Each structure stands twice: as C-alpha cells, then as structure tokens.
Protein backbone atom coordinates (compact mmCIF):
# COMPACT_ATOMS: atom_id res chain seq x y z
CA MET A 1 82.62 156.43 -42.85
CA SER A 2 82.61 154.81 -46.25
CA LYS A 3 84.42 156.75 -48.93
CA THR A 4 84.38 156.02 -52.80
CA VAL A 5 86.38 154.65 -54.93
CA GLU A 6 87.38 158.10 -56.39
CA ARG A 7 88.15 159.45 -52.47
CA LEU A 8 90.29 156.44 -52.33
CA LEU A 9 92.52 156.98 -55.51
CA GLU A 10 93.20 160.81 -54.51
CA GLU A 11 93.47 160.05 -50.85
CA ASN A 12 96.83 157.60 -52.24
CA ASN A 13 97.41 159.27 -54.91
CA TRP A 14 96.42 156.59 -57.63
CA SER A 15 95.40 156.44 -61.25
CA LEU A 16 93.21 153.98 -62.67
CA ASP A 17 95.47 153.07 -64.28
CA VAL A 18 97.82 151.97 -61.00
CA LEU A 19 94.70 150.63 -59.03
CA ALA A 20 93.12 148.35 -62.19
CA ASP A 21 96.71 147.38 -62.51
CA ARG A 22 96.55 146.17 -58.95
CA ALA A 23 92.80 144.91 -58.29
CA GLN A 24 93.97 142.87 -61.67
CA LEU A 25 90.45 144.32 -63.09
CA PRO A 26 90.18 146.57 -67.10
CA ALA A 27 91.02 149.87 -66.34
CA SER A 28 87.30 150.47 -67.90
CA ARG A 29 85.73 148.81 -65.36
CA VAL A 30 87.86 151.22 -62.22
CA ALA A 31 86.72 153.72 -64.22
CA ALA A 32 83.29 153.11 -64.76
CA ILE A 33 83.24 152.03 -60.53
CA ALA A 34 84.84 155.17 -59.39
CA ASP A 35 82.73 157.15 -61.76
CA GLY A 36 79.52 155.58 -60.04
CA ARG A 37 78.69 154.26 -63.29
CA TRP A 38 78.54 150.65 -62.86
CA THR A 39 78.64 148.74 -59.39
CA PRO A 40 80.94 146.13 -58.55
CA SER A 41 80.62 142.41 -58.00
CA PRO A 42 81.75 141.18 -54.97
CA ALA A 43 84.47 139.69 -56.18
CA GLU A 44 85.81 143.09 -58.09
CA ARG A 45 85.01 144.71 -54.79
CA GLN A 46 87.47 142.13 -52.93
CA ARG A 47 89.85 143.13 -55.69
CA ILE A 48 89.50 146.87 -54.93
CA ALA A 49 89.65 146.41 -51.62
CA ASN A 50 92.68 144.72 -51.39
CA ALA A 51 94.62 146.56 -53.44
CA LEU A 52 93.45 149.73 -51.56
CA GLY A 53 94.18 147.81 -48.40
CA VAL A 54 90.70 148.66 -46.76
CA PRO A 55 88.38 146.59 -45.54
CA ILE A 56 85.14 146.06 -48.13
CA GLU A 57 82.64 147.65 -45.47
CA ASP A 58 84.75 150.95 -45.46
CA ILE A 59 84.36 151.82 -49.39
CA SER A 60 80.96 153.46 -50.77
CA TRP A 61 79.54 151.22 -53.72
CA GLY A 62 76.94 152.98 -54.66
CA HIS A 63 75.95 154.35 -58.10
CA THR A 64 76.29 157.94 -57.92
CA THR A 65 74.97 158.13 -61.79
CA ASN A 66 71.21 157.98 -62.87
CA PRO A 67 71.40 155.68 -65.84
CA ARG A 68 68.67 157.83 -66.93
CA ASN A 69 70.00 160.50 -67.28
CA VAL A 70 73.12 158.94 -69.13
CA ARG A 71 70.97 157.89 -71.96
CA TYR A 72 69.03 161.28 -71.58
CA HIS A 73 72.19 162.68 -71.81
CA ARG A 74 73.44 161.03 -75.09
CA PHE A 75 70.33 160.52 -76.89
CA GLY A 76 67.96 163.42 -75.95
CA LEU A 77 64.83 162.55 -75.09
CA GLU A 78 62.20 161.44 -78.33
CA LYS A 79 60.63 164.53 -80.56
CA ASP A 80 57.27 163.14 -78.70
CA PHE A 81 57.69 162.54 -75.06
CA ARG A 82 54.82 162.40 -73.09
CA ALA A 83 55.20 162.16 -69.94
CA SER A 84 52.43 158.90 -68.74
CA ASP A 85 49.51 159.82 -66.36
CA GLY A 86 50.61 156.29 -64.51
C-alpha cells in the first residue's frame, strides 16, 4: 500500500526541511509535493524515495489539490461567470 510523502514525513518525525536537505531539493518544491500541489519529475521522485529509504512504488505521487479550486480560492470567480453549454 502506497503512502503520501506527507504521511511518510509524519512516520519518520521529519520536517519538510529535513527531507529537502536529504533529497537535495528546494524546500519549497518538497512542500508542494508533500501538499499534493506538485507532481514530481522522475528524478525528484527518486531523490525523495532514496531520502525516505523506500521504493518509489511505495509512495503516492498524484495531485491531491484541484488546481482550479486553488485559483478560484485565490482570485475568486469572474463577475460575469456563466457556465458554458458545452
């Protein structure tokens, strides 16, 4: 059963900074991956898996945040927003 990066951090009692340092990736990128806002490249996946000491296949890498919802929460809907008929 695969686990998220966030879950693996909790199990190891690591901060994002510890994982970023061990994976040699920017902390902002590791935070986005852990939050499910960024799907990492194959190289980033390998670095994170190695740092955590687990196989790549044991980590869930997909997005968990809908980017459209992030935009709407950040900027709101346009005034004249209308659903299209398709």
